[in-house]
Amino acid sequence: MLPTASGAPVLRPRAQHSLWPLASAPRAAWRGPRCVRARAGDAEKAPAPAAAGKKERELGLGLKAAWGAAELFGDAVAAASGGKAAAAAGGDPVARRSMEEVVASIRGDYELDYFISGAAAMDAYADDCAYSDDFASFSGPGSTARFRKNVANLGALLADVKIDVDSDWAVADNRVTTNWRFQGVVKGLPWKPLLAAAGSTAHVIDPQRGVVVEHIERWKADPREVVARLLRPARTPPGTAWETFMLSLSDGDLQGMWFILSPRTMPVTGLVCLAALLTHLLTGHGLPGSAGSALELACGVLLPVSLVTEVVKFAGGMQGGETGTGGRF
């Protein structure tokens, strides 16, 4: 987010992530983005604000459901950790702002990594600002407070965040467009995947109200690819059972998945088989009911398969992780 003398962007880490190599490098003074007036051809290519807000990319119900689940998950984690959601902006500013003042306020929000941290005031945004991205869209009273809550919850789940915002901002037709990219490790998931994306955000300003009325975010990558990447751990080779299992899952490695599950199924299947054996000795029949019979059959198959798997792993030198397969097992 910090421009250099050549105009090229410089990656700036969030302050708490000292692992970022440039954390200790001297920073150039912030002079704001260089506003670039869009050419007529660019304006023609850009979609109309109303159309951009209404036209959502065709996505399956699965991705939209994933977005809704992520929002609920963020709320649950925030509630469990005792975190507080970002405070509401409190509606439109009392005094109408000029275009320059709105742009300056947006710049200040970017300085605080607003779309990851949720820490910025976002007081140049209307309370009912329409927010849209490749996953979902929402608007209406309280929409800005909802957006801030969501990004604050997201920021709480990330570690080692790196953000880069292009220093060239395009300003045309009451619209400010920025280009950005970011990445961070999702520490809220046990396999710690990497969330990374690049894209642009259009901030549409209503000159009569002096506020941002549309926040249109577009990702350059296919959202499906971003979601698929969340199944893969960021660390390679994996260091935990969760990371190993999810790496095998993302690679479609059924054997690798079973090698992780095998030793963890033995205690459960062993207890069920023991209970079934005792039931047979005491009553003359197995576990009661059709569900009990199905459970007994499944565990009766899984237990010997797990035992054989562990013998094969040991015989193949996989017990200590020196397997020639990247140290997965």
C-alpha atoms as a PDB file:
ATOM      1  CA  MET A   1       0.000   0.000   0.000  1.00  0.00           C
ATOM      2  CA  LEU A   2       3.045   2.260   0.164  1.00  0.00           C
ATOM      3  CA  PRO A   3       4.207   3.717  -3.170  1.00  0.00           C
ATOM      4  CA  THR A   4       7.852   3.931  -4.083  1.00  0.00           C
ATOM      5  CA  ALA A   5       9.505   6.628  -6.120  1.00  0.00           C
ATOM      6  CA  SER A   6       8.983   4.559  -9.254  1.00  0.00           C
ATOM      7  CA  GLY A   7       5.291   4.181  -8.550  1.00  0.00           C
ATOM      8  CA  ALA A   8       5.560   0.412  -8.044  1.00  0.00           C
ATOM      9  CA  PRO A   9       3.640  -0.968  -5.052  1.00  0.00           C
ATOM     10  CA  VAL A  10       5.484  -2.227  -2.024  1.00  0.00           C
ATOM     11  CA  LEU A  11       4.050  -5.079  -0.017  1.00  0.00           C
ATOM     12  CA  ARG A  12       3.219  -3.890   3.470  1.00  0.00           C
ATOM     13  CA  PRO A  13       2.555  -6.391   6.247  1.00  0.00           C
ATOM     14  CA  ARG A  14       0.225  -5.798   9.100  1.00  0.00           C
ATOM     15  CA  ALA A  15       2.168  -4.655  12.118  1.00  0.00           C
ATOM     16  CA  GLN A  16       1.684  -7.781  14.160  1.00  0.00           C
ATOM     17  CA  HIS A  17       3.144 -10.104  11.561  1.00  0.00           C
ATOM     18  CA  SER A  18       6.859  -9.699  11.931  1.00  0.00           C
ATOM     19  CA  LEU A  19       7.591 -12.762   9.779  1.00  0.00           C
ATOM     20  CA  TRP A  20       7.027 -10.680   6.648  1.00  0.00           C
ATOM     21  CA  PRO A  21      10.521  -9.946   5.280  1.00  0.00           C
ATOM     22  CA  LEU A  22       9.893  -6.227   4.792  1.00  0.00           C
ATOM     23  CA  ALA A  23       8.595  -5.682   8.311  1.00  0.00           C
ATOM     24  CA  SER A  24      11.848  -4.108   9.422  1.00  0.00           C
ATOM     25  CA  ALA A  25      12.563  -2.228   6.193  1.00  0.00           C
ATOM     26  CA  PRO A  26      12.331   1.581   6.249  1.00  0.00           C
ATOM     27  CA  ARG A  27       9.022   2.848   4.918  1.00  0.00           C
ATOM     28  CA  ALA A  28       8.537   5.684   2.493  1.00  0.00           C
ATOM     29  CA  ALA A  29       6.256   8.499   3.575  1.00  0.00           C
ATOM     30  CA  TRP A  30       2.653   7.968   2.492  1.00  0.00           C
ATOM     31  CA  ARG A  31       1.616  10.547  -0.054  1.00  0.00           C
ATOM     32  CA  GLY A  32      -1.588   8.896  -1.080  1.00  0.00           C
ATOM     33  CA  PRO A  33      -2.429   7.109  -4.287  1.00  0.00           C
ATOM     34  CA  ARG A  34      -1.825   8.683  -7.631  1.00  0.00           C
ATOM     35  CA  CYS A  35      -5.282   9.243  -9.050  1.00  0.00           C
ATOM     36  CA  VAL A  36      -5.431   8.350 -12.725  1.00  0.00           C
ATOM     37  CA  ARG A  37      -8.250   9.728 -14.802  1.00  0.00           C
ATOM     38  CA  ALA A  38      -9.756   6.906 -16.794  1.00  0.00           C
ATOM     39  CA  ARG A  39      -9.883   7.318 -20.538  1.00  0.00           C
ATOM     40  CA  ALA A  40     -13.140   7.333 -22.413  1.00  0.00           C
ATOM     41  CA  GLY A  41     -12.547   3.811 -23.629  1.00  0.00           C
ATOM     42  CA  ASP A  42     -12.034   2.617 -20.070  1.00  0.00           C
ATOM     43  CA  ALA A  43     -15.289   4.189 -18.990  1.00  0.00           C
ATOM     44  CA  GLU A  44     -17.110   2.404 -21.789  1.00  0.00           C
ATOM     45  CA  LYS A  45     -15.654  -0.932 -20.734  1.00  0.00           C
ATOM     46  CA  ALA A  46     -16.576  -0.466 -17.104  1.00  0.00           C
ATOM     47  CA  PRO A  47     -20.084  -1.671 -16.191  1.00  0.00           C
ATOM     48  CA  ALA A  48     -22.633   0.840 -14.997  1.00  0.00           C
ATOM     49  CA  PRO A  49     -22.821   1.115 -11.190  1.00  0.00           C
ATOM     50  CA  ALA A  50     -26.389  -0.160 -11.029  1.00  0.00           C
ATOM     51  CA  ALA A  51     -25.624  -3.041 -13.380  1.00  0.00           C
ATOM     52  CA  ALA A  52     -22.481  -3.972 -11.448  1.00  0.00           C
ATOM     53  CA  GLY A  53     -24.391  -4.051  -8.203  1.00  0.00           C
ATOM     54  CA  LYS A  54     -27.201  -6.203  -9.593  1.00  0.00           C
ATOM     55  CA  LYS A  55     -25.280  -8.478 -11.944  1.00  0.00           C
ATOM     56  CA  GLU A  56     -23.727 -11.193  -9.820  1.00  0.00           C
ATOM     57  CA  ARG A  57     -21.560 -13.837 -11.395  1.00  0.00           C
ATOM     58  CA  GLU A  58     -23.212 -17.146 -12.017  1.00  0.00           C
ATOM     59  CA  LEU A  59     -22.156 -19.337  -9.136  1.00  0.00           C
ATOM     60  CA  GLY A  60     -23.504 -22.632  -7.906  1.00  0.00           C
ATOM     61  CA  LEU A  61     -25.571 -22.925  -4.780  1.00  0.00           C
ATOM     62  CA  GLY A  62     -22.617 -24.672  -3.165  1.00  0.00           C
ATOM     63  CA  LEU A  63     -20.401 -21.556  -3.264  1.00  0.00           C
ATOM     64  CA  LYS A  64     -23.157 -19.295  -1.985  1.00  0.00           C
ATOM     65  CA  ALA A  65     -23.860 -21.768   0.788  1.00  0.00           C
ATOM     66  CA  ALA A  66     -20.132 -21.781   1.578  1.00  0.00           C
ATOM     67  CA  TRP A  67     -20.188 -17.983   1.867  1.00  0.00           C
ATOM     68  CA  GLY A  68     -23.146 -18.105   4.237  1.00  0.00           C
ATOM     69  CA  ALA A  69     -21.505 -20.841   6.285  1.00  0.00           C
ATOM     70  CA  ALA A  70     -18.293 -18.803   6.479  1.00  0.00           C
ATOM     71  CA  GLU A  71     -20.225 -15.804   7.783  1.00  0.00           C
ATOM     72  CA  LEU A  72     -21.904 -17.921  10.459  1.00  0.00           C
ATOM     73  CA  PHE A  73     -18.578 -19.566  11.318  1.00  0.00           C
ATOM     74  CA  GLY A  74     -16.951 -16.166  11.761  1.00  0.00           C
ATOM     75  CA  ASP A  75     -19.772 -15.029  14.038  1.00  0.00           C
ATOM     76  CA  ALA A  76     -19.488 -18.211  16.097  1.00  0.00           C
ATOM     77  CA  VAL A  77     -15.712 -17.919  16.481  1.00  0.00           C
ATOM     78  CA  ALA A  78     -16.002 -14.254  17.437  1.00  0.00           C
ATOM     79  CA  ALA A  79     -18.651 -15.070  20.041  1.00  0.00           C
ATOM     80  CA  ALA A  80     -16.652 -17.998  21.434  1.00  0.00           C
ATOM     81  CA  SER A  81     -13.472 -15.948  21.724  1.00  0.00           C
ATOM     82  CA  GLY A  82     -15.255 -13.035  23.322  1.00  0.00           C
ATOM     83  CA  GLY A  83     -14.313 -10.756  20.424  1.00  0.00           C
ATOM     84  CA  LYS A  84     -16.361  -7.684  19.693  1.00  0.00           C
ATOM     85  CA  ALA A  85     -17.697  -6.911  16.259  1.00  0.00           C
ATOM     86  CA  ALA A  86     -16.714  -3.649  14.641  1.00  0.00           C
ATOM     87  CA  ALA A  87     -18.873  -0.764  15.775  1.00  0.00           C
ATOM     88  CA  ALA A  88     -21.516   0.504  13.398  1.00  0.00           C
ATOM     89  CA  ALA A  89     -20.633   3.544  11.381  1.00  0.00           C
ATOM     90  CA  GLY A  90     -23.749   5.278  12.625  1.00  0.00           C
ATOM     91  CA  GLY A  91     -25.317   6.225   9.289  1.00  0.00           C
ATOM     92  CA  ASP A  92     -24.347   8.826   6.730  1.00  0.00           C
ATOM     93  CA  PRO A  93     -22.053  11.702   7.762  1.00  0.00           C
ATOM     94  CA  VAL A  94     -23.927  14.810   8.850  1.00  0.00           C
ATOM     95  CA  ALA A  95     -22.088  17.097   6.433  1.00  0.00           C
ATOM     96  CA  ARG A  96     -21.942  16.216   2.753  1.00  0.00           C
ATOM     97  CA  ARG A  97     -18.381  15.490   1.701  1.00  0.00           C
ATOM     98  CA  SER A  98     -16.689  16.579  -1.478  1.00  0.00           C
ATOM     99  CA  MET A  99     -15.257  14.029  -3.886  1.00  0.00           C
ATOM    100  CA  GLU A 100     -11.745  14.797  -2.630  1.00  0.00           C
ATOM    101  CA  GLU A 101     -12.800  14.290   0.985  1.00  0.00           C
ATOM    102  CA  VAL A 102     -14.449  10.963   0.191  1.00  0.00           C
ATOM    103  CA  VAL A 103     -11.332   9.751  -1.657  1.00  0.00           C
ATOM    104  CA  ALA A 104      -9.168  10.838   1.283  1.00  0.00           C
ATOM    105  CA  SER A 105     -11.404   8.897   3.665  1.00  0.00           C
ATOM    106  CA  ILE A 106     -11.212   5.790   1.469  1.00  0.00           C
ATOM    107  CA  ARG A 107      -7.432   6.151   1.404  1.00  0.00           C
ATOM    108  CA  GLY A 108      -7.383   6.231   5.201  1.00  0.00           C
ATOM    109  CA  ASP A 109      -9.467   3.061   5.318  1.00  0.00           C
ATOM    110  CA  TYR A 110      -6.962   1.295   3.070  1.00  0.00           C
ATOM    111  CA  GLU A 111      -4.160   2.435   5.362  1.00  0.00           C
ATOM    112  CA  LEU A 112      -5.854   0.377   8.090  1.00  0.00           C
ATOM    113  CA  ASP A 113      -6.393  -2.642   5.808  1.00  0.00           C
ATOM    114  CA  TYR A 114     -10.137  -2.188   6.178  1.00  0.00           C
ATOM    115  CA  PHE A 115     -11.126  -5.123   3.957  1.00  0.00           C
ATOM    116  CA  ILE A 116      -9.188  -7.545   6.159  1.00  0.00           C
ATOM    117  CA  SER A 117      -9.032  -5.986   9.614  1.00  0.00           C
ATOM    118  CA  GLY A 118     -12.395  -4.227   9.839  1.00  0.00           C
ATOM    119  CA  ALA A 119     -10.619  -1.675  12.038  1.00  0.00           C
ATOM    120  CA  ALA A 120     -11.298   1.353   9.839  1.00  0.00           C
ATOM    121  CA  ALA A 121     -14.203   3.672  10.586  1.00  0.00           C
ATOM    122  CA  MET A 122     -15.499   3.570   6.986  1.00  0.00           C
ATOM    123  CA  ASP A 123     -17.377   6.766   7.752  1.00  0.00           C
ATOM    124  CA  ALA A 124     -17.482   7.772   4.076  1.00  0.00           C
ATOM    125  CA  TYR A 125     -19.791   4.829   3.360  1.00  0.00           C
ATOM    126  CA  ALA A 126     -23.566   5.056   3.477  1.00  0.00           C
ATOM    127  CA  ASP A 127     -25.197   2.974   6.175  1.00  0.00           C
ATOM    128  CA  ASP A 128     -27.177   1.226   3.429  1.00  0.00           C
ATOM    129  CA  CYS A 129     -24.253   0.912   0.991  1.00  0.00           C
ATOM    130  CA  ALA A 130     -24.627  -2.014  -1.437  1.00  0.00           C
ATOM    131  CA  TYR A 131     -21.800  -4.555  -1.099  1.00  0.00           C
ATOM    132  CA  SER A 132     -21.161  -7.212  -3.733  1.00  0.00           C
ATOM    133  CA  ASP A 133     -18.392  -9.646  -4.583  1.00  0.00           C
ATOM    134  CA  ASP A 134     -17.995 -12.928  -6.443  1.00  0.00           C
ATOM    135  CA  PHE A 135     -19.730 -14.848  -3.667  1.00  0.00           C
ATOM    136  CA  ALA A 136     -22.674 -12.771  -2.503  1.00  0.00           C
ATOM    137  CA  SER A 137     -24.208  -9.328  -2.233  1.00  0.00           C
ATOM    138  CA  PHE A 138     -26.237  -7.460   0.352  1.00  0.00           C
ATOM    139  CA  SER A 139     -27.522  -3.956   0.995  1.00  0.00           C
ATOM    140  CA  GLY A 140     -30.043  -2.067   3.067  1.00  0.00           C
ATOM    141  CA  PRO A 141     -29.944  -0.434   6.495  1.00  0.00           C
ATOM    142  CA  GLY A 142     -26.980  -1.659   8.529  1.00  0.00           C
ATOM    143  CA  SER A 143     -25.167  -3.182   5.543  1.00  0.00           C
ATOM    144  CA  THR A 144     -21.943  -1.277   6.288  1.00  0.00           C
ATOM    145  CA  ALA A 145     -21.971  -2.514   9.879  1.00  0.00           C
ATOM    146  CA  ARG A 146     -22.488  -6.046   8.575  1.00  0.00           C
ATOM    147  CA  PHE A 147     -19.575  -5.696   6.159  1.00  0.00           C
ATOM    148  CA  ARG A 148     -17.282  -4.419   8.908  1.00  0.00           C
ATOM    149  CA  LYS A 149     -18.313  -7.266  11.183  1.00  0.00           C
ATOM    150  CA  ASN A 150     -17.587  -9.847   8.484  1.00  0.00           C
ATOM    151  CA  VAL A 151     -14.138  -8.509   7.609  1.00  0.00           C
ATOM    152  CA  ALA A 152     -13.255  -8.129  11.298  1.00  0.00           C
ATOM    153  CA  ASN A 153     -14.181 -11.780  11.841  1.00  0.00           C
ATOM    154  CA  LEU A 154     -12.099 -12.743   8.807  1.00  0.00           C
ATOM    155  CA  GLY A 155      -9.086 -10.822  10.072  1.00  0.00           C
ATOM    156  CA  ALA A 156      -9.303 -12.585  13.427  1.00  0.00           C
ATOM    157  CA  LEU A 157      -8.966 -15.937  11.650  1.00  0.00           C
ATOM    158  CA  LEU A 158      -5.871 -14.996   9.623  1.00  0.00           C
ATOM    159  CA  ALA A 159      -2.161 -14.968  10.428  1.00  0.00           C
ATOM    160  CA  ASP A 160       0.913 -13.886   8.471  1.00  0.00           C
ATOM    161  CA  VAL A 161      -1.182 -11.509   6.376  1.00  0.00           C
ATOM    162  CA  LYS A 162       0.464  -9.719   3.446  1.00  0.00           C
ATOM    163  CA  ILE A 163      -1.410  -6.995   1.575  1.00  0.00           C
ATOM    164  CA  ASP A 164      -0.461  -5.086  -1.547  1.00  0.00           C
ATOM    165  CA  VAL A 165      -2.616  -2.257  -2.909  1.00  0.00           C
ATOM    166  CA  ASP A 166      -1.620  -0.670  -6.216  1.00  0.00           C
ATOM    167  CA  SER A 167      -0.622   2.969  -5.848  1.00  0.00           C
ATOM    168  CA  ASP A 168      -2.444   3.953  -9.057  1.00  0.00           C
ATOM    169  CA  TRP A 169      -6.112   4.606  -8.374  1.00  0.00           C
ATOM    170  CA  ALA A 170      -8.522   5.240 -11.254  1.00  0.00           C
ATOM    171  CA  VAL A 171     -11.030   8.029 -10.601  1.00  0.00           C
ATOM    172  CA  ALA A 172     -13.804   8.567 -13.148  1.00  0.00           C
ATOM    173  CA  ASP A 173     -17.565   9.134 -13.185  1.00  0.00           C
ATOM    174  CA  ASN A 174     -17.864   9.296  -9.391  1.00  0.00           C
ATOM    175  CA  ARG A 175     -16.089   5.958  -9.115  1.00  0.00           C
ATOM    176  CA  VAL A 176     -12.776   5.124  -7.427  1.00  0.00           C
ATOM    177  CA  THR A 177     -11.220   1.817  -8.511  1.00  0.00           C
ATOM    178  CA  THR A 178      -8.328   0.127  -6.723  1.00  0.00           C
ATOM    179  CA  ASN A 179      -6.369  -3.043  -7.473  1.00  0.00           C
ATOM    180  CA  TRP A 180      -5.071  -5.247  -4.694  1.00  0.00           C
ATOM    181  CA  ARG A 181      -3.839  -8.672  -3.682  1.00  0.00           C
ATOM    182  CA  PHE A 182      -3.514 -10.318  -0.313  1.00  0.00           C
ATOM    183  CA  GLN A 183      -2.734 -13.615   1.343  1.00  0.00           C
ATOM    184  CA  GLY A 184      -2.930 -15.032   4.826  1.00  0.00           C
ATOM    185  CA  VAL A 185      -2.928 -18.361   6.642  1.00  0.00           C
ATOM    186  CA  VAL A 186      -6.344 -19.319   8.014  1.00  0.00           C
ATOM    187  CA  LYS A 187      -5.342 -20.154  11.567  1.00  0.00           C
ATOM    188  CA  GLY A 188      -8.994 -20.746  12.474  1.00  0.00           C
ATOM    189  CA  LEU A 189      -8.964 -24.066  10.583  1.00  0.00           C
ATOM    190  CA  PRO A 190      -6.936 -26.977  11.992  1.00  0.00           C
ATOM    191  CA  TRP A 191      -5.086 -27.658   8.709  1.00  0.00           C
ATOM    192  CA  LYS A 192      -4.213 -23.943   8.301  1.00  0.00           C
ATOM    193  CA  PRO A 193      -4.803 -23.386   4.583  1.00  0.00           C
ATOM    194  CA  LEU A 194      -3.698 -20.347   2.605  1.00  0.00           C
ATOM    195  CA  LEU A 195      -6.320 -17.779   1.629  1.00  0.00           C
ATOM    196  CA  ALA A 196      -4.994 -15.740  -1.274  1.00  0.00           C
ATOM    197  CA  ALA A 197      -6.660 -13.596  -3.898  1.00  0.00           C
ATOM    198  CA  ALA A 198      -6.109 -10.681  -6.243  1.00  0.00           C
ATOM    199  CA  GLY A 199      -8.746  -8.374  -7.596  1.00  0.00           C
ATOM    200  CA  SER A 200     -10.194  -4.898  -7.704  1.00  0.00           C
ATOM    201  CA  THR A 201     -12.716  -2.840  -5.781  1.00  0.00           C
ATOM    202  CA  ALA A 202     -14.904  -0.105  -7.233  1.00  0.00           C
ATOM    203  CA  HIS A 203     -16.138   2.493  -4.748  1.00  0.00           C
ATOM    204  CA  VAL A 204     -19.155   4.239  -6.303  1.00  0.00           C
ATOM    205  CA  ILE A 205     -19.865   7.673  -4.827  1.00  0.00           C
ATOM    206  CA  ASP A 206     -23.184   9.503  -4.771  1.00  0.00           C
ATOM    207  CA  PRO A 207     -22.164  13.171  -5.233  1.00  0.00           C
ATOM    208  CA  GLN A 208     -25.490  14.396  -3.868  1.00  0.00           C
ATOM    209  CA  ARG A 209     -25.105  12.553  -0.575  1.00  0.00           C
ATOM    210  CA  GLY A 210     -21.308  12.718  -0.489  1.00  0.00           C
ATOM    211  CA  VAL A 211     -20.964   9.050   0.488  1.00  0.00           C
ATOM    212  CA  VAL A 212     -19.985   5.721  -1.045  1.00  0.00           C
ATOM    213  CA  VAL A 213     -23.172   3.931  -2.077  1.00  0.00           C
ATOM    214  CA  GLU A 214     -21.714   0.859  -3.806  1.00  0.00           C
ATOM    215  CA  HIS A 215     -18.712  -1.300  -2.935  1.00  0.00           C
ATOM    216  CA  ILE A 216     -18.124  -3.700  -5.844  1.00  0.00           C
ATOM    217  CA  GLU A 217     -15.370  -6.252  -5.305  1.00  0.00           C
ATOM    218  CA  ARG A 218     -14.196  -8.534  -8.087  1.00  0.00           C
ATOM    219  CA  TRP A 219     -11.611 -11.296  -7.824  1.00  0.00           C
ATOM    220  CA  LYS A 220      -9.302 -12.139 -10.714  1.00  0.00           C
ATOM    221  CA  ALA A 221      -9.172 -15.800  -9.760  1.00  0.00           C
ATOM    222  CA  ASP A 222     -12.121 -18.130 -10.129  1.00  0.00           C
ATOM    223  CA  PRO A 223     -13.816 -18.244  -6.700  1.00  0.00           C
ATOM    224  CA  ARG A 224     -14.025 -22.005  -7.055  1.00  0.00           C
ATOM    225  CA  GLU A 225     -10.238 -22.174  -7.214  1.00  0.00           C
ATOM    226  CA  VAL A 226      -9.985 -20.019  -4.096  1.00  0.00           C
ATOM    227  CA  VAL A 227     -12.373 -22.302  -2.218  1.00  0.00           C
ATOM    228  CA  ALA A 228     -10.546 -25.416  -3.466  1.00  0.00           C
ATOM    229  CA  ARG A 229      -7.261 -23.951  -2.208  1.00  0.00           C
ATOM    230  CA  LEU A 230      -8.779 -23.773   1.268  1.00  0.00           C
ATOM    231  CA  LEU A 231      -8.764 -27.573   1.362  1.00  0.00           C
ATOM    232  CA  ARG A 232      -4.983 -27.628   1.026  1.00  0.00           C
ATOM    233  CA  PRO A 233      -2.675 -26.814   3.964  1.00  0.00           C
ATOM    234  CA  ALA A 234      -0.303 -23.905   3.484  1.00  0.00           C
ATOM    235  CA  ARG A 235       2.636 -25.790   4.991  1.00  0.00           C
ATOM    236  CA  THR A 236       4.443 -28.433   2.952  1.00  0.00           C
ATOM    237  CA  PRO A 237       5.417 -30.995   3.917  1.00  0.00           C
ATOM    238  CA  PRO A 238       2.517 -31.215   6.376  1.00  0.00           C
ATOM    239  CA  GLY A 239       3.320 -31.334  10.045  1.00  0.00           C
ATOM    240  CA  THR A 240       0.073 -32.526  11.629  1.00  0.00           C
ATOM    241  CA  ALA A 241      -2.470 -35.258  11.004  1.00  0.00           C
ATOM    242  CA  TRP A 242      -5.033 -32.661   9.931  1.00  0.00           C
ATOM    243  CA  GLU A 243      -2.640 -31.136   7.422  1.00  0.00           C
ATOM    244  CA  THR A 244      -1.685 -34.546   6.065  1.00  0.00           C
ATOM    245  CA  PHE A 245      -5.295 -35.645   5.706  1.00  0.00           C
ATOM    246  CA  MET A 246      -6.391 -32.454   3.929  1.00  0.00           C
ATOM    247  CA  LEU A 247      -3.367 -32.550   1.625  1.00  0.00           C
ATOM    248  CA  SER A 248      -4.291 -36.117   0.666  1.00  0.00           C
ATOM    249  CA  LEU A 249      -7.920 -35.062   0.213  1.00  0.00           C
ATOM    250  CA  SER A 250      -7.009 -32.158  -2.056  1.00  0.00           C
ATOM    251  CA  ASP A 251      -4.780 -34.480  -4.109  1.00  0.00           C
ATOM    252  CA  GLY A 252      -7.473 -37.152  -4.342  1.00  0.00           C
ATOM    253  CA  ASP A 253      -5.151 -39.572  -2.556  1.00  0.00           C
ATOM    254  CA  LEU A 254      -7.557 -42.106  -1.006  1.00  0.00           C
ATOM    255  CA  GLN A 255      -4.719 -44.268   0.315  1.00  0.00           C
ATOM    256  CA  GLY A 256      -3.146 -41.299   2.045  1.00  0.00           C
ATOM    257  CA  MET A 257      -6.469 -40.376   3.632  1.00  0.00           C
ATOM    258  CA  TRP A 258      -6.949 -43.917   4.899  1.00  0.00           C
ATOM    259  CA  PHE A 259      -3.403 -44.095   6.271  1.00  0.00           C
ATOM    260  CA  ILE A 260      -4.257 -41.105   8.474  1.00  0.00           C
ATOM    261  CA  LEU A 261      -7.675 -42.429   9.529  1.00  0.00           C
ATOM    262  CA  SER A 262      -6.568 -46.016  10.105  1.00  0.00           C
ATOM    263  CA  PRO A 263      -4.885 -45.710  13.539  1.00  0.00           C
ATOM    264  CA  ARG A 264      -7.642 -43.368  14.708  1.00  0.00           C
ATOM    265  CA  THR A 265     -10.432 -45.788  13.880  1.00  0.00           C
ATOM    266  CA  MET A 266      -8.958 -48.705  15.823  1.00  0.00           C
ATOM    267  CA  PRO A 267      -9.885 -47.521  19.356  1.00  0.00           C
ATOM    268  CA  VAL A 268     -13.500 -46.874  18.363  1.00  0.00           C
ATOM    269  CA  THR A 269     -13.956 -49.974  16.240  1.00  0.00           C
ATOM    270  CA  GLY A 270     -12.198 -52.059  18.884  1.00  0.00           C
ATOM    271  CA  LEU A 271     -14.614 -50.904  21.601  1.00  0.00           C
ATOM    272  CA  VAL A 272     -17.636 -51.565  19.400  1.00  0.00           C
ATOM    273  CA  CYS A 273     -16.382 -55.040  18.527  1.00  0.00           C
ATOM    274  CA  LEU A 274     -15.736 -55.772  22.209  1.00  0.00           C
ATOM    275  CA  ALA A 275     -19.234 -54.578  23.125  1.00  0.00           C
ATOM    276  CA  ALA A 276     -20.730 -56.731  20.377  1.00  0.00           C
ATOM    277  CA  LEU A 277     -18.774 -59.768  21.591  1.00  0.00           C
ATOM    278  CA  LEU A 278     -19.962 -59.290  25.179  1.00  0.00           C
ATOM    279  CA  THR A 279     -23.522 -58.836  23.964  1.00  0.00           C
ATOM    280  CA  HIS A 280     -23.289 -62.094  22.031  1.00  0.00           C
ATOM    281  CA  LEU A 281     -21.989 -63.921  25.117  1.00  0.00           C
ATOM    282  CA  LEU A 282     -24.702 -62.518  27.396  1.00  0.00           C
ATOM    283  CA  THR A 283     -27.750 -62.514  25.126  1.00  0.00           C
ATOM    284  CA  GLY A 284     -26.904 -64.817  22.277  1.00  0.00           C
ATOM    285  CA  HIS A 285     -27.297 -62.107  19.650  1.00  0.00           C
ATOM    286  CA  GLY A 286     -25.467 -59.000  18.583  1.00  0.00           C
ATOM    287  CA  LEU A 287     -26.074 -55.316  19.141  1.00  0.00           C
ATOM    288  CA  PRO A 288     -29.818 -54.516  19.194  1.00  0.00           C
ATOM    289  CA  GLY A 289     -31.684 -53.030  16.267  1.00  0.00           C
ATOM    290  CA  SER A 290     -30.846 -52.629  12.605  1.00  0.00           C
ATOM    291  CA  ALA A 291     -28.552 -49.698  13.405  1.00  0.00           C
ATOM    292  CA  GLY A 292     -26.669 -51.827  15.927  1.00  0.00           C
ATOM    293  CA  SER A 293     -26.284 -54.627  13.411  1.00  0.00           C
ATOM    294  CA  ALA A 294     -24.989 -52.209  10.760  1.00  0.00           C
ATOM    295  CA  LEU A 295     -22.540 -50.674  13.238  1.00  0.00           C
ATOM    296  CA  GLU A 296     -21.322 -54.093  14.312  1.00  0.00           C
ATOM    297  CA  LEU A 297     -20.783 -55.146  10.695  1.00  0.00           C
ATOM    298  CA  ALA A 298     -18.950 -51.933   9.770  1.00  0.00           C
ATOM    299  CA  CYS A 299     -16.639 -52.104  12.771  1.00  0.00           C
ATOM    300  CA  GLY A 300     -16.069 -55.809  12.189  1.00  0.00           C
ATOM    301  CA  VAL A 301     -14.707 -54.927   8.760  1.00  0.00           C
ATOM    302  CA  LEU A 302     -12.830 -51.747   9.668  1.00  0.00           C
ATOM    303  CA  LEU A 303     -10.945 -53.161  12.651  1.00  0.00           C
ATOM    304  CA  PRO A 304      -9.069 -55.929  10.800  1.00  0.00           C
ATOM    305  CA  VAL A 305      -8.507 -53.646   7.808  1.00  0.00           C
ATOM    306  CA  SER A 306      -6.983 -51.042  10.131  1.00  0.00           C
ATOM    307  CA  LEU A 307      -4.771 -53.642  11.780  1.00  0.00           C
ATOM    308  CA  VAL A 308      -3.541 -54.891   8.398  1.00  0.00           C
ATOM    309  CA  THR A 309      -2.938 -51.302   7.272  1.00  0.00           C
ATOM    310  CA  GLU A 310      -0.777 -50.561  10.301  1.00  0.00           C
ATOM    311  CA  VAL A 311       1.249 -53.730   9.683  1.00  0.00           C
ATOM    312  CA  VAL A 312       1.748 -52.725   6.053  1.00  0.00           C
ATOM    313  CA  LYS A 313       2.785 -49.210   7.082  1.00  0.00           C
ATOM    314  CA  PHE A 314       5.266 -50.577   9.579  1.00  0.00           C
ATOM    315  CA  ALA A 315       6.670 -53.095   7.115  1.00  0.00           C
ATOM    316  CA  GLY A 316       7.032 -50.403   4.487  1.00  0.00           C
ATOM    317  CA  GLY A 317       9.051 -48.171   6.774  1.00  0.00           C
ATOM    318  CA  MET A 318       6.213 -45.682   7.183  1.00  0.00           C
ATOM    319  CA  GLN A 319       6.068 -45.736  10.941  1.00  0.00           C
ATOM    320  CA  GLY A 320       8.550 -42.889  11.376  1.00  0.00           C
ATOM    321  CA  GLY A 321       7.484 -40.808   8.389  1.00  0.00           C
ATOM    322  CA  GLU A 322      10.512 -41.728   6.235  1.00  0.00           C
ATOM    323  CA  THR A 323       8.427 -43.033   3.369  1.00  0.00           C
ATOM    324  CA  GLY A 324       9.757 -41.398   0.259  1.00  0.00           C
ATOM    325  CA  THR A 325       6.350 -39.742  -0.143  1.00  0.00           C
ATOM    326  CA  GLY A 326       7.169 -36.288   1.159  1.00  0.00           C
ATOM    327  CA  GLY A 327       7.056 -37.308   4.802  1.00  0.00           C
ATOM    328  CA  ARG A 328       3.268 -37.363   4.882  1.00  0.00           C
ATOM    329  CA  PHE A 329       2.811 -40.433   7.056  1.00  0.00           C
END
